[in-house]
C-alpha cells in the first residue's frame, strides 16, 4: 500500500460519508441540526480516523488504535441512522435503510482489517 487511498475501508467509508451527508440534508429542519449533525460528524470521523491511523502506520499499536476508533464511529453512525428510522424522522426510509446495511457491511470490513493488521502488520512498512 502506497497510500491510505489504497485501503478499501477508506474508499467505502468516504463514499458512505458523502451519502450520509446528503441524506441528512433531507431530514426535517429540526433533525438536520440535531440527529443529522451527529450523523454527519460520526460518518466523516470514520474516514478521518482511517487517514490519521494510516499516518501513524509505522507504529502498529497507534495504527490499530485509530482503526478501533474508526470502528466505534462506524457503529455510532449506525445507531444515528437507526434513531432517524425508528423515530419516523424521514420520508426517505429506503435510503436510510440502505445506509444502515452499507454501514453494517463497512463495520465488518473494518473489524476484519483490524484483525489482519493485528496479526500481519509489519511495523517497517
PDB file of N, CA and C in Angstrom:
ATOM      1  N   UNK A   1       0.842  -1.181   0.000  1.00  0.00           N
ATOM      2  CA  UNK A   1       0.000   0.000   0.000  1.00  0.00           C
ATOM      3  C   UNK A   1       0.885   1.241   0.000  1.00  0.00           C
ATOM      4  N   UNK A   2       0.621   2.090  -0.944  1.00  0.00           N
ATOM      5  CA  UNK A   2       1.384   3.322  -1.030  1.00  0.00           C
ATOM      6  C   UNK A   2       0.692   4.469  -0.304  1.00  0.00           C
ATOM      7  N   UNK A   3      -0.623   4.324  -0.093  1.00  0.00           N
ATOM      8  CA  UNK A   3      -1.405   5.411   0.489  1.00  0.00           C
ATOM      9  C   UNK A   3      -2.643   4.842   1.171  1.00  0.00           C
ATOM     10  N   UNK A   4      -3.178   5.618   2.083  1.00  0.00           N
ATOM     11  CA  UNK A   4      -4.458   5.237   2.699  1.00  0.00           C
ATOM     12  C   UNK A   4      -5.548   5.138   1.640  1.00  0.00           C
ATOM     13  N   UNK A   5      -5.362   5.830   0.522  1.00  0.00           N
ATOM     14  CA  UNK A   5      -6.350   5.794  -0.561  1.00  0.00           C
ATOM     15  C   UNK A   5      -6.444   4.411  -1.206  1.00  0.00           C
ATOM     16  N   UNK A   6      -5.461   3.560  -0.940  1.00  0.00           N
ATOM     17  CA  UNK A   6      -5.469   2.189  -1.455  1.00  0.00           C
ATOM     18  C   UNK A   6      -6.298   1.249  -0.581  1.00  0.00           C
ATOM     19  N   UNK A   7      -6.688   1.698   0.591  1.00  0.00           N
ATOM     20  CA  UNK A   7      -7.450   0.853   1.514  1.00  0.00           C
ATOM     21  C   UNK A   7      -8.927   0.839   1.126  1.00  0.00           C
ATOM     22  N   UNK A   8      -9.485  -0.349   1.007  1.00  0.00           N
ATOM     23  CA  UNK A   8     -10.913  -0.469   0.676  1.00  0.00           C
ATOM     24  C   UNK A   8     -11.771   0.224   1.730  1.00  0.00           C
ATOM     25  N   UNK A   9     -11.399   0.100   3.003  1.00  0.00           N
ATOM     26  CA  UNK A   9     -12.207   0.714   4.054  1.00  0.00           C
ATOM     27  C   UNK A   9     -12.216   2.243   3.931  1.00  0.00           C
ATOM     28  N   UNK A  10     -11.133   2.812   3.432  1.00  0.00           N
ATOM     29  CA  UNK A  10     -11.101   4.257   3.190  1.00  0.00           C
ATOM     30  C   UNK A  10     -12.067   4.617   2.064  1.00  0.00           C
ATOM     31  N   UNK A  11     -11.957   3.915   0.950  1.00  0.00           N
ATOM     32  CA  UNK A  11     -12.781   4.205  -0.226  1.00  0.00           C
ATOM     33  C   UNK A  11     -14.266   4.091   0.124  1.00  0.00           C
ATOM     34  N   UNK A  12     -14.633   3.008   0.779  1.00  0.00           N
ATOM     35  CA  UNK A  12     -16.039   2.773   1.122  1.00  0.00           C
ATOM     36  C   UNK A  12     -16.518   3.801   2.146  1.00  0.00           C
ATOM     37  N   UNK A  13     -15.711   4.063   3.170  1.00  0.00           N
ATOM     38  CA  UNK A  13     -16.147   4.999   4.215  1.00  0.00           C
ATOM     39  C   UNK A  13     -16.324   6.410   3.668  1.00  0.00           C
ATOM     40  N   UNK A  14     -15.471   6.821   2.757  1.00  0.00           N
ATOM     41  CA  UNK A  14     -15.600   8.156   2.174  1.00  0.00           C
ATOM     42  C   UNK A  14     -16.871   8.251   1.332  1.00  0.00           C
ATOM     43  N   UNK A  15     -17.121   7.237   0.523  1.00  0.00           N
ATOM     44  CA  UNK A  15     -18.336   7.210  -0.313  1.00  0.00           C
ATOM     45  C   UNK A  15     -19.584   7.260   0.572  1.00  0.00           C
ATOM     46  N   UNK A  16     -19.576   6.477   1.640  1.00  0.00           N
ATOM     47  CA  UNK A  16     -20.737   6.447   2.535  1.00  0.00           C
ATOM     48  C   UNK A  16     -20.896   7.752   3.312  1.00  0.00           C
ATOM     49  N   UNK A  17     -19.799   8.383   3.697  1.00  0.00           N
ATOM     50  CA  UNK A  17     -19.885   9.662   4.419  1.00  0.00           C
ATOM     51  C   UNK A  17     -20.556  10.720   3.548  1.00  0.00           C
ATOM     52  N   UNK A  18     -20.218  10.719   2.279  1.00  0.00           N
ATOM     53  CA  UNK A  18     -20.832  11.677   1.355  1.00  0.00           C
ATOM     54  C   UNK A  18     -22.321  11.369   1.205  1.00  0.00           C
ATOM     55  N   UNK A  19     -22.669  10.087   1.105  1.00  0.00           N
ATOM     56  CA  UNK A  19     -24.073   9.692   1.003  1.00  0.00           C
ATOM     57  C   UNK A  19     -24.836  10.028   2.284  1.00  0.00           C
ATOM     58  N   UNK A  20     -24.224   9.787   3.437  1.00  0.00           N
ATOM     59  CA  UNK A  20     -24.873  10.095   4.719  1.00  0.00           C
ATOM     60  C   UNK A  20     -25.072  11.597   4.867  1.00  0.00           C
ATOM     61  N   UNK A  21     -24.089  12.369   4.440  1.00  0.00           N
ATOM     62  CA  UNK A  21     -24.214  13.830   4.495  1.00  0.00           C
ATOM     63  C   UNK A  21     -25.421  14.277   3.662  1.00  0.00           C
ATOM     64  N   UNK A  22     -25.490  13.793   2.435  1.00  0.00           N
ATOM     65  CA  UNK A  22     -26.602  14.163   1.553  1.00  0.00           C
ATOM     66  C   UNK A  22     -27.943  13.720   2.150  1.00  0.00           C
ATOM     67  N   UNK A  23     -27.990  12.508   2.682  1.00  0.00           N
ATOM     68  CA  UNK A  23     -29.235  12.003   3.277  1.00  0.00           C
ATOM     69  C   UNK A  23     -29.653  12.848   4.479  1.00  0.00           C
ATOM     70  N   UNK A  24     -28.681  13.284   5.273  1.00  0.00           N
ATOM     71  CA  UNK A  24     -29.003  14.072   6.465  1.00  0.00           C
ATOM     72  C   UNK A  24     -29.656  15.402   6.100  1.00  0.00           C
ATOM     73  N   UNK A  25     -29.344  15.910   4.924  1.00  0.00           N
ATOM     74  CA  UNK A  25     -29.909  17.188   4.497  1.00  0.00           C
ATOM     75  C   UNK A  25     -31.351  17.064   4.005  1.00  0.00           C
ATOM     76  N   UNK A  26     -31.840  15.824   3.876  1.00  0.00           N
ATOM     77  CA  UNK A  26     -33.240  15.602   3.506  1.00  0.00           C
ATOM     78  C   UNK A  26     -34.147  15.529   4.733  1.00  0.00           C
ATOM     79  N   UNK A  27     -33.558  15.558   5.911  1.00  0.00           N
ATOM     80  CA  UNK A  27     -34.339  15.469   7.146  1.00  0.00           C
ATOM     81  C   UNK A  27     -35.087  16.771   7.401  1.00  0.00           C
ATOM     82  N   UNK A  28     -36.142  16.707   8.200  1.00  0.00           N
ATOM     83  CA  UNK A  28     -36.822  17.947   8.596  1.00  0.00           C
ATOM     84  C   UNK A  28     -35.825  18.885   9.280  1.00  0.00           C
ATOM     85  N   UNK A  29     -36.109  20.174   9.212  1.00  0.00           N
ATOM     86  CA  UNK A  29     -35.146  21.175   9.704  1.00  0.00           C
ATOM     87  C   UNK A  29     -34.688  20.905  11.143  1.00  0.00           C
ATOM     88  N   UNK A  30     -35.605  20.565  12.031  1.00  0.00           N
ATOM     89  CA  UNK A  30     -35.209  20.329  13.418  1.00  0.00           C
ATOM     90  C   UNK A  30     -34.242  19.150  13.543  1.00  0.00           C
ATOM     91  N   UNK A  31     -34.393  18.119  12.693  1.00  0.00           N
ATOM     92  CA  UNK A  31     -33.490  16.961  12.737  1.00  0.00           C
ATOM     93  C   UNK A  31     -32.176  17.228  12.007  1.00  0.00           C
ATOM     94  N   UNK A  32     -32.198  18.133  11.040  1.00  0.00           N
ATOM     95  CA  UNK A  32     -30.970  18.474  10.321  1.00  0.00           C
ATOM     96  C   UNK A  32     -29.927  18.987  11.310  1.00  0.00           C
ATOM     97  N   UNK A  33     -30.375  19.723  12.326  1.00  0.00           N
ATOM     98  CA  UNK A  33     -29.444  20.297  13.301  1.00  0.00           C
ATOM     99  C   UNK A  33     -29.234  19.413  14.519  1.00  0.00           C
ATOM    100  N   UNK A  34     -30.054  18.431  14.705  1.00  0.00           N
ATOM    101  CA  UNK A  34     -29.910  17.534  15.848  1.00  0.00           C
ATOM    102  C   UNK A  34     -29.259  16.218  15.415  1.00  0.00           C
ATOM    103  N   UNK A  35     -30.078  15.242  15.093  1.00  0.00           N
ATOM    104  CA  UNK A  35     -29.576  13.920  14.711  1.00  0.00           C
ATOM    105  C   UNK A  35     -28.769  13.990  13.414  1.00  0.00           C
ATOM    106  N   UNK A  36     -29.177  14.842  12.496  1.00  0.00           N
ATOM    107  CA  UNK A  36     -28.456  14.985  11.228  1.00  0.00           C
ATOM    108  C   UNK A  36     -27.020  15.442  11.428  1.00  0.00           C
ATOM    109  N   UNK A  37     -26.840  16.372  12.342  1.00  0.00           N
ATOM    110  CA  UNK A  37     -25.490  16.866  12.648  1.00  0.00           C
ATOM    111  C   UNK A  37     -24.622  15.751  13.238  1.00  0.00           C
ATOM    112  N   UNK A  38     -25.190  14.984  14.142  1.00  0.00           N
ATOM    113  CA  UNK A  38     -24.462  13.857  14.740  1.00  0.00           C
ATOM    114  C   UNK A  38     -24.082  12.837  13.665  1.00  0.00           C
ATOM    115  N   UNK A  39     -25.020  12.572  12.765  1.00  0.00           N
ATOM    116  CA  UNK A  39     -24.779  11.625  11.681  1.00  0.00           C
ATOM    117  C   UNK A  39     -23.638  12.116  10.782  1.00  0.00           C
ATOM    118  N   UNK A  40     -23.665  13.382  10.422  1.00  0.00           N
ATOM    119  CA  UNK A  40     -22.601  13.923   9.564  1.00  0.00           C
ATOM    120  C   UNK A  40     -21.242  13.827  10.245  1.00  0.00           C
ATOM    121  N   UNK A  41     -21.180  14.151  11.529  1.00  0.00           N
ATOM    122  CA  UNK A  41     -19.898  14.114  12.241  1.00  0.00           C
ATOM    123  C   UNK A  41     -19.359  12.691  12.386  1.00  0.00           C
ATOM    124  N   UNK A  42     -20.213  11.769  12.811  1.00  0.00           N
ATOM    125  CA  UNK A  42     -19.717  10.401  13.035  1.00  0.00           C
ATOM    126  C   UNK A  42     -19.337   9.723  11.721  1.00  0.00           C
ATOM    127  N   UNK A  43     -20.109   9.960  10.661  1.00  0.00           N
ATOM    128  CA  UNK A  43     -19.800   9.308   9.384  1.00  0.00           C
ATOM    129  C   UNK A  43     -18.480   9.813   8.810  1.00  0.00           C
ATOM    130  N   UNK A  44     -18.214  11.089   8.956  1.00  0.00           N
ATOM    131  CA  UNK A  44     -16.956  11.653   8.453  1.00  0.00           C
ATOM    132  C   UNK A  44     -15.778  11.267   9.337  1.00  0.00           C
ATOM    133  N   UNK A  45     -16.038  11.067  10.622  1.00  0.00           N
ATOM    134  CA  UNK A  45     -14.969  10.680  11.543  1.00  0.00           C
ATOM    135  C   UNK A  45     -14.405   9.303  11.197  1.00  0.00           C
ATOM    136  N   UNK A  46     -15.231   8.424  10.675  1.00  0.00           N
ATOM    137  CA  UNK A  46     -14.753   7.087  10.288  1.00  0.00           C
ATOM    138  C   UNK A  46     -13.593   7.232   9.315  1.00  0.00           C
ATOM    139  N   UNK A  47     -13.803   7.994   8.268  1.00  0.00           N
ATOM    140  CA  UNK A  47     -12.789   8.191   7.236  1.00  0.00           C
ATOM    141  C   UNK A  47     -11.586   8.943   7.794  1.00  0.00           C
ATOM    142  N   UNK A  48     -11.844   9.992   8.555  1.00  0.00           N
ATOM    143  CA  UNK A  48     -10.752  10.793   9.119  1.00  0.00           C
ATOM    144  C   UNK A  48      -9.841   9.960  10.010  1.00  0.00           C
ATOM    145  N   UNK A  49     -10.426   9.080  10.796  1.00  0.00           N
ATOM    146  CA  UNK A  49      -9.625   8.245  11.696  1.00  0.00           C
ATOM    147  C   UNK A  49      -8.816   7.200  10.933  1.00  0.00           C
ATOM    148  N   UNK A  50      -9.349   6.696   9.838  1.00  0.00           N
ATOM    149  CA  UNK A  50      -8.577   5.776   8.995  1.00  0.00           C
ATOM    150  C   UNK A  50      -7.357   6.501   8.449  1.00  0.00           C
ATOM    151  N   UNK A  51      -7.553   7.725   7.978  1.00  0.00           N
ATOM    152  CA  UNK A  51      -6.453   8.518   7.426  1.00  0.00           C
ATOM    153  C   UNK A  51      -5.423   8.828   8.518  1.00  0.00           C
ATOM    154  N   UNK A  52      -5.900   9.256   9.688  1.00  0.00           N
ATOM    155  CA  UNK A  52      -4.979   9.578  10.775  1.00  0.00           C
ATOM    156  C   UNK A  52      -4.206   8.345  11.227  1.00  0.00           C
ATOM    157  N   UNK A  53      -4.895   7.224  11.331  1.00  0.00           N
ATOM    158  CA  UNK A  53      -4.212   5.988  11.714  1.00  0.00           C
ATOM    159  C   UNK A  53      -3.165   5.584  10.697  1.00  0.00           C
ATOM    160  N   UNK A  54      -3.495   5.717   9.438  1.00  0.00           N
ATOM    161  CA  UNK A  54      -2.531   5.364   8.383  1.00  0.00           C
ATOM    162  C   UNK A  54      -1.299   6.255   8.469  1.00  0.00           C
ATOM    163  N   UNK A  55      -1.500   7.489   8.841  1.00  0.00           N
ATOM    164  CA  UNK A  55      -0.367   8.400   9.019  1.00  0.00           C
ATOM    165  C   UNK A  55       0.571   7.955  10.135  1.00  0.00           C
ATOM    166  N   UNK A  56       0.062   7.122  11.021  1.00  0.00           N
ATOM    167  CA  UNK A  56       0.858   6.593  12.137  1.00  0.00           C
ATOM    168  C   UNK A  56       1.194   5.114  11.929  1.00  0.00           C
ATOM    169  N   UNK A  57       1.101   4.663  10.688  1.00  0.00           N
ATOM    170  CA  UNK A  57       1.232   3.232  10.377  1.00  0.00           C
ATOM    171  C   UNK A  57       2.574   2.644  10.773  1.00  0.00           C
ATOM    172  N   UNK A  58       3.554   3.466  10.924  1.00  0.00           N
ATOM    173  CA  UNK A  58       4.867   2.975  11.337  1.00  0.00           C
ATOM    174  C   UNK A  58       4.794   2.322  12.717  1.00  0.00           C
ATOM    175  N   UNK A  59       3.855   2.795  13.517  1.00  0.00           N
ATOM    176  CA  UNK A  59       3.674   2.278  14.866  1.00  0.00           C
ATOM    177  C   UNK A  59       2.392   1.449  14.899  1.00  0.00           C
ATOM    178  N   UNK A  60       2.554   0.155  14.874  1.00  0.00           N
ATOM    179  CA  UNK A  60       1.421  -0.772  14.773  1.00  0.00           C
ATOM    180  C   UNK A  60       0.334  -0.476  15.800  1.00  0.00           C
ATOM    181  N   UNK A  61       0.718  -0.250  17.042  1.00  0.00           N
ATOM    182  CA  UNK A  61      -0.278  -0.019  18.095  1.00  0.00           C
ATOM    183  C   UNK A  61      -1.097   1.249  17.823  1.00  0.00           C
ATOM    184  N   UNK A  62      -0.447   2.303  17.353  1.00  0.00           N
ATOM    185  CA  UNK A  62      -1.175   3.532  17.022  1.00  0.00           C
ATOM    186  C   UNK A  62      -2.111   3.305  15.844  1.00  0.00           C
ATOM    187  N   UNK A  63      -1.607   2.624  14.833  1.00  0.00           N
ATOM    188  CA  UNK A  63      -2.415   2.333  13.648  1.00  0.00           C
ATOM    189  C   UNK A  63      -3.679   1.589  14.059  1.00  0.00           C
ATOM    190  N   UNK A  64      -3.526   0.546  14.842  1.00  0.00           N
ATOM    191  CA  UNK A  64      -4.678  -0.250  15.276  1.00  0.00           C
ATOM    192  C   UNK A  64      -5.608   0.564  16.170  1.00  0.00           C
ATOM    193  N   UNK A  65      -5.034   1.384  17.043  1.00  0.00           N
ATOM    194  CA  UNK A  65      -5.853   2.212  17.933  1.00  0.00           C
ATOM    195  C   UNK A  65      -6.803   3.100  17.114  1.00  0.00           C
ATOM    196  N   UNK A  66      -6.292   3.737  16.076  1.00  0.00           N
ATOM    197  CA  UNK A  66      -7.135   4.605  15.261  1.00  0.00           C
ATOM    198  C   UNK A  66      -8.143   3.812  14.434  1.00  0.00           C
ATOM    199  N   UNK A  67      -7.775   2.619  14.032  1.00  0.00           N
ATOM    200  CA  UNK A  67      -8.745   1.763  13.341  1.00  0.00           C
ATOM    201  C   UNK A  67      -9.880   1.363  14.291  1.00  0.00           C
ATOM    202  N   UNK A  68      -9.549   1.106  15.543  1.00  0.00           N
ATOM    203  CA  UNK A  68     -10.571   0.775  16.540  1.00  0.00           C
ATOM    204  C   UNK A  68     -11.494   1.980  16.754  1.00  0.00           C
ATOM    205  N   UNK A  69     -10.908   3.181  16.833  1.00  0.00           N
ATOM    206  CA  UNK A  69     -11.728   4.384  16.960  1.00  0.00           C
ATOM    207  C   UNK A  69     -12.650   4.534  15.748  1.00  0.00           C
ATOM    208  N   UNK A  70     -12.115   4.250  14.571  1.00  0.00           N
ATOM    209  CA  UNK A  70     -12.898   4.326  13.340  1.00  0.00           C
ATOM    210  C   UNK A  70     -14.071   3.340  13.385  1.00  0.00           C
ATOM    211  N   UNK A  71     -13.792   2.140  13.869  1.00  0.00           N
ATOM    212  CA  UNK A  71     -14.839   1.118  14.002  1.00  0.00           C
ATOM    213  C   UNK A  71     -15.928   1.595  14.965  1.00  0.00           C
ATOM    214  N   UNK A  72     -15.533   2.224  16.060  1.00  0.00           N
ATOM    215  CA  UNK A  72     -16.504   2.737  17.024  1.00  0.00           C
ATOM    216  C   UNK A  72     -17.367   3.833  16.397  1.00  0.00           C
ATOM    217  N   UNK A  73     -16.757   4.702  15.610  1.00  0.00           N
ATOM    218  CA  UNK A  73     -17.520   5.751  14.926  1.00  0.00           C
ATOM    219  C   UNK A  73     -18.497   5.148  13.918  1.00  0.00           C
ATOM    220  N   UNK A  74     -18.088   4.062  13.285  1.00  0.00           N
ATOM    221  CA  UNK A  74     -18.967   3.374  12.343  1.00  0.00           C
ATOM    222  C   UNK A  74     -20.206   2.854  13.072  1.00  0.00           C
ATOM    223  N   UNK A  75     -19.988   2.244  14.219  1.00  0.00           N
ATOM    224  CA  UNK A  75     -21.119   1.749  14.994  1.00  0.00           C
ATOM    225  C   UNK A  75     -21.993   2.903  15.495  1.00  0.00           C
ATOM    226  N   UNK A  76     -21.372   4.027  15.840  1.00  0.00           N
ATOM    227  CA  UNK A  76     -22.149   5.198  16.244  1.00  0.00           C
ATOM    228  C   UNK A  76     -23.002   5.702  15.076  1.00  0.00           C
ATOM    229  N   UNK A  77     -22.435   5.700  13.892  1.00  0.00           N
ATOM    230  CA  UNK A  77     -23.178   6.138  12.705  1.00  0.00           C
ATOM    231  C   UNK A  77     -24.408   5.257  12.492  1.00  0.00           C
ATOM    232  N   UNK A  78     -24.240   3.963  12.692  1.00  0.00           N
ATOM    233  CA  UNK A  78     -25.365   3.033  12.535  1.00  0.00           C
ATOM    234  C   UNK A  78     -26.487   3.387  13.509  1.00  0.00           C
ATOM    235  N   UNK A  79     -26.134   3.685  14.753  1.00  0.00           N
ATOM    236  CA  UNK A  79     -27.194   3.983  15.730  1.00  0.00           C
ATOM    237  C   UNK A  79     -27.891   5.297  15.399  1.00  0.00           C
ATOM    238  N   UNK A  80     -27.173   6.280  14.864  1.00  0.00           N
ATOM    239  CA  UNK A  80     -27.828   7.530  14.463  1.00  0.00           C
ATOM    240  C   UNK A  80     -28.811   7.274  13.315  1.00  0.00           C
ATOM    241  N   UNK A  81     -28.399   6.455  12.362  1.00  0.00           N
ATOM    242  CA  UNK A  81     -29.299   6.099  11.257  1.00  0.00           C
ATOM    243  C   UNK A  81     -30.532   5.367  11.782  1.00  0.00           C
ATOM    244  N   UNK A  82     -30.321   4.456  12.725  1.00  0.00           N
ATOM    245  CA  UNK A  82     -31.449   3.718  13.304  1.00  0.00           C
ATOM    246  C   UNK A  82     -32.382   4.644  14.090  1.00  0.00           C
ATOM    247  N   UNK A  83     -31.809   5.608  14.811  1.00  0.00           N
ATOM    248  CA  UNK A  83     -32.653   6.572  15.529  1.00  0.00           C
ATOM    249  C   UNK A  83     -33.535   7.342  14.553  1.00  0.00           C
ATOM    250  N   UNK A  84     -32.953   7.768  13.450  1.00  0.00           N
ATOM    251  CA  UNK A  84     -33.720   8.509  12.435  1.00  0.00           C
ATOM    252  C   UNK A  84     -34.866   7.650  11.917  1.00  0.00           C
ATOM    253  N   UNK A  85     -34.580   6.395  11.631  1.00  0.00           N
ATOM    254  CA  UNK A  85     -35.622   5.495  11.128  1.00  0.00           C
ATOM    255  C   UNK A  85     -36.693   5.219  12.185  1.00  0.00           C
ATOM    256  N   UNK A  86     -36.260   4.922  13.396  1.00  0.00           N
ATOM    257  CA  UNK A  86     -37.196   4.487  14.433  1.00  0.00           C
ATOM    258  C   UNK A  86     -38.030   5.626  15.020  1.00  0.00           C
ATOM    259  N   UNK A  87     -37.581   6.858  14.837  1.00  0.00           N
ATOM    260  CA  UNK A  87     -38.376   7.992  15.319  1.00  0.00           C
ATOM    261  C   UNK A  87     -39.270   8.562  14.220  1.00  0.00           C
ATOM    262  N   UNK A  88     -39.203   7.963  13.029  1.00  0.00           N
ATOM    263  CA  UNK A  88     -40.031   8.425  11.922  1.00  0.00           C
ATOM    264  C   UNK A  88     -39.634   9.797  11.402  1.00  0.00           C
ATOM    265  N   UNK A  89     -38.363  10.124  11.523  1.00  0.00           N
ATOM    266  CA  UNK A  89     -37.888  11.457  11.148  1.00  0.00           C
ATOM    267  C   UNK A  89     -37.609  11.630   9.664  1.00  0.00           C
ATOM    268  N   UNK A  90     -37.800  10.586   8.878  1.00  0.00           N
ATOM    269  CA  UNK A  90     -37.517  10.698   7.452  1.00  0.00           C
ATOM    270  C   UNK A  90     -38.636  10.112   6.616  1.00  0.00           C
ATOM    271  N   UNK A  91     -38.792  10.685   5.439  1.00  0.00           N
ATOM    272  CA  UNK A  91     -39.712  10.130   4.450  1.00  0.00           C
ATOM    273  C   UNK A  91     -38.950   9.237   3.478  1.00  0.00           C
ATOM    274  N   UNK A  92     -37.631   9.268   3.579  1.00  0.00           N
ATOM    275  CA  UNK A  92     -36.759   8.506   2.679  1.00  0.00           C
ATOM    276  C   UNK A  92     -36.301   7.214   3.373  1.00  0.00           C
ATOM    277  N   UNK A  93     -37.261   6.426   3.773  1.00  0.00           N
ATOM    278  CA  UNK A  93     -36.997   5.237   4.592  1.00  0.00           C
ATOM    279  C   UNK A  93     -36.030   4.275   3.904  1.00  0.00           C
ATOM    280  N   UNK A  94     -36.251   3.983   2.645  1.00  0.00           N
ATOM    281  CA  UNK A  94     -35.391   3.020   1.942  1.00  0.00           C
ATOM    282  C   UNK A  94     -33.954   3.509   1.845  1.00  0.00           C
ATOM    283  N   UNK A  95     -33.757   4.799   1.604  1.00  0.00           N
ATOM    284  CA  UNK A  95     -32.401   5.353   1.534  1.00  0.00           C
ATOM    285  C   UNK A  95     -31.671   5.149   2.861  1.00  0.00           C
ATOM    286  N   UNK A  96     -32.353   5.413   3.957  1.00  0.00           N
ATOM    287  CA  UNK A  96     -31.726   5.273   5.276  1.00  0.00           C
ATOM    288  C   UNK A  96     -31.517   3.804   5.634  1.00  0.00           C
ATOM    289  N   UNK A  97     -32.462   2.942   5.259  1.00  0.00           N
ATOM    290  CA  UNK A  97     -32.279   1.504   5.497  1.00  0.00           C
ATOM    291  C   UNK A  97     -31.064   0.988   4.721  1.00  0.00           C
ATOM    292  N   UNK A  98     -30.917   1.445   3.481  1.00  0.00           N
ATOM    293  CA  UNK A  98     -29.757   1.038   2.680  1.00  0.00           C
ATOM    294  C   UNK A  98     -28.455   1.513   3.319  1.00  0.00           C
ATOM    295  N   UNK A  99     -28.455   2.730   3.857  1.00  0.00           N
ATOM    296  CA  UNK A  99     -27.256   3.225   4.533  1.00  0.00           C
ATOM    297  C   UNK A  99     -26.924   2.374   5.757  1.00  0.00           C
ATOM    298  N   UNK A 100     -27.945   1.980   6.506  1.00  0.00           N
ATOM    299  CA  UNK A 100     -27.698   1.109   7.666  1.00  0.00           C
ATOM    300  C   UNK A 100     -27.006  -0.171   7.207  1.00  0.00           C
ATOM    301  N   UNK A 101     -27.529  -0.799   6.179  1.00  0.00           N
ATOM    302  CA  UNK A 101     -26.937  -2.053   5.683  1.00  0.00           C
ATOM    303  C   UNK A 101     -25.503  -1.840   5.191  1.00  0.00           C
ATOM    304  N   UNK A 102     -25.271  -0.737   4.495  1.00  0.00           N
ATOM    305  CA  UNK A 102     -23.918  -0.470   3.993  1.00  0.00           C
ATOM    306  C   UNK A 102     -22.947  -0.183   5.131  1.00  0.00           C
ATOM    307  N   UNK A 103     -23.414   0.509   6.163  1.00  0.00           N
ATOM    308  CA  UNK A 103     -22.539   0.763   7.321  1.00  0.00           C
ATOM    309  C   UNK A 103     -22.297  -0.504   8.132  1.00  0.00           C
ATOM    310  N   UNK A 104     -23.262  -1.385   8.202  1.00  0.00           N
ATOM    311  CA  UNK A 104     -23.035  -2.675   8.868  1.00  0.00           C
ATOM    312  C   UNK A 104     -21.960  -3.452   8.112  1.00  0.00           C
ATOM    313  N   UNK A 105     -22.031  -3.439   6.799  1.00  0.00           N
ATOM    314  CA  UNK A 105     -21.012  -4.101   5.977  1.00  0.00           C
ATOM    315  C   UNK A 105     -19.640  -3.451   6.191  1.00  0.00           C
ATOM    316  N   UNK A 106     -19.596  -2.122   6.223  1.00  0.00           N
ATOM    317  CA  UNK A 106     -18.332  -1.423   6.472  1.00  0.00           C
ATOM    318  C   UNK A 106     -17.779  -1.776   7.854  1.00  0.00           C
ATOM    319  N   UNK A 107     -18.635  -1.846   8.846  1.00  0.00           N
ATOM    320  CA  UNK A 107     -18.208  -2.198  10.197  1.00  0.00           C
ATOM    321  C   UNK A 107     -17.499  -3.555  10.209  1.00  0.00           C
ATOM    322  N   UNK A 108     -18.060  -4.503   9.478  1.00  0.00           N
ATOM    323  CA  UNK A 108     -17.446  -5.833   9.385  1.00  0.00           C
ATOM    324  C   UNK A 108     -16.095  -5.761   8.682  1.00  0.00           C
ATOM    325  N   UNK A 109     -16.001  -4.940   7.633  1.00  0.00           N
ATOM    326  CA  UNK A 109     -14.732  -4.800   6.906  1.00  0.00           C
ATOM    327  C   UNK A 109     -13.663  -4.167   7.777  1.00  0.00           C
ATOM    328  N   UNK A 110     -14.040  -3.152   8.531  1.00  0.00           N
ATOM    329  CA  UNK A 110     -13.072  -2.511   9.431  1.00  0.00           C
ATOM    330  C   UNK A 110     -12.609  -3.511  10.479  1.00  0.00           C
ATOM    331  N   UNK A 111     -13.545  -4.268  11.037  1.00  0.00           N
ATOM    332  CA  UNK A 111     -13.200  -5.264  12.044  1.00  0.00           C
ATOM    333  C   UNK A 111     -12.228  -6.300  11.481  1.00  0.00           C
ATOM    334  N   UNK A 112     -12.486  -6.773  10.282  1.00  0.00           N
ATOM    335  CA  UNK A 112     -11.576  -7.754   9.652  1.00  0.00           C
ATOM    336  C   UNK A 112     -10.217  -7.141   9.373  1.00  0.00           C
ATOM    337  N   UNK A 113     -10.191  -5.865   8.978  1.00  0.00           N
ATOM    338  CA  UNK A 113      -8.916  -5.211   8.721  1.00  0.00           C
ATOM    339  C   UNK A 113      -8.128  -5.040  10.016  1.00  0.00           C
ATOM    340  N   UNK A 114      -8.812  -4.726  11.103  1.00  0.00           N
ATOM    341  CA  UNK A 114      -8.141  -4.622  12.406  1.00  0.00           C
ATOM    342  C   UNK A 114      -7.514  -5.966  12.765  1.00  0.00           C
ATOM    343  N   UNK A 115      -8.263  -7.045  12.600  1.00  0.00           N
ATOM    344  CA  UNK A 115      -7.728  -8.381  12.897  1.00  0.00           C
ATOM    345  C   UNK A 115      -6.521  -8.689  12.021  1.00  0.00           C
ATOM    346  N   UNK A 116      -6.616  -8.361  10.723  1.00  0.00           N
ATOM    347  CA  UNK A 116      -5.494  -8.609   9.815  1.00  0.00           C
ATOM    348  C   UNK A 116      -4.276  -7.790  10.238  1.00  0.00           C
ATOM    349  N   UNK A 117      -4.487  -6.513  10.531  1.00  0.00           N
ATOM    350  CA  UNK A 117      -3.369  -5.642  10.923  1.00  0.00           C
ATOM    351  C   UNK A 117      -2.730  -6.134  12.214  1.00  0.00           C
ATOM    352  N   UNK A 118      -3.538  -6.590  13.142  1.00  0.00           N
ATOM    353  CA  UNK A 118      -3.021  -7.083  14.415  1.00  0.00           C
ATOM    354  C   UNK A 118      -2.125  -8.299  14.212  1.00  0.00           C
ATOM    355  N   UNK A 119      -2.479  -9.146  13.259  1.00  0.00           N
ATOM    356  CA  UNK A 119      -1.725 -10.371  13.034  1.00  0.00           C
ATOM    357  C   UNK A 119      -0.576 -10.211  12.041  1.00  0.00           C
ATOM    358  N   UNK A 120      -0.727  -9.308  11.072  1.00  0.00           N
ATOM    359  CA  UNK A 120       0.213  -9.286   9.947  1.00  0.00           C
ATOM    360  C   UNK A 120       0.924  -7.964   9.703  1.00  0.00           C
ATOM    361  N   UNK A 121       0.534  -6.915  10.400  1.00  0.00           N
ATOM    362  CA  UNK A 121       1.113  -5.614  10.073  1.00  0.00           C
ATOM    363  C   UNK A 121       2.594  -5.587  10.406  1.00  0.00           C
ATOM    364  N   UNK A 122       3.362  -5.186   9.435  1.00  0.00           N
ATOM    365  CA  UNK A 122       4.808  -5.073   9.602  1.00  0.00           C
ATOM    366  C   UNK A 122       5.110  -3.616   9.944  1.00  0.00           C
ATOM    367  N   UNK A 123       5.686  -3.390  11.103  1.00  0.00           N
ATOM    368  CA  UNK A 123       5.965  -2.018  11.530  1.00  0.00           C
ATOM    369  C   UNK A 123       6.957  -1.308  10.619  1.00  0.00           C
ATOM    370  N   UNK A 124       7.637  -2.040   9.750  1.00  0.00           N
ATOM    371  CA  UNK A 124       8.607  -1.419   8.855  1.00  0.00           C
ATOM    372  C   UNK A 124       8.010  -1.064   7.500  1.00  0.00           C
ATOM    373  N   UNK A 125       6.704  -1.138   7.351  1.00  0.00           N
ATOM    374  CA  UNK A 125       6.080  -0.836   6.047  1.00  0.00           C
ATOM    375  C   UNK A 125       6.238   0.611   5.709  1.00  0.00           C
TER     376      UNK A 125
END
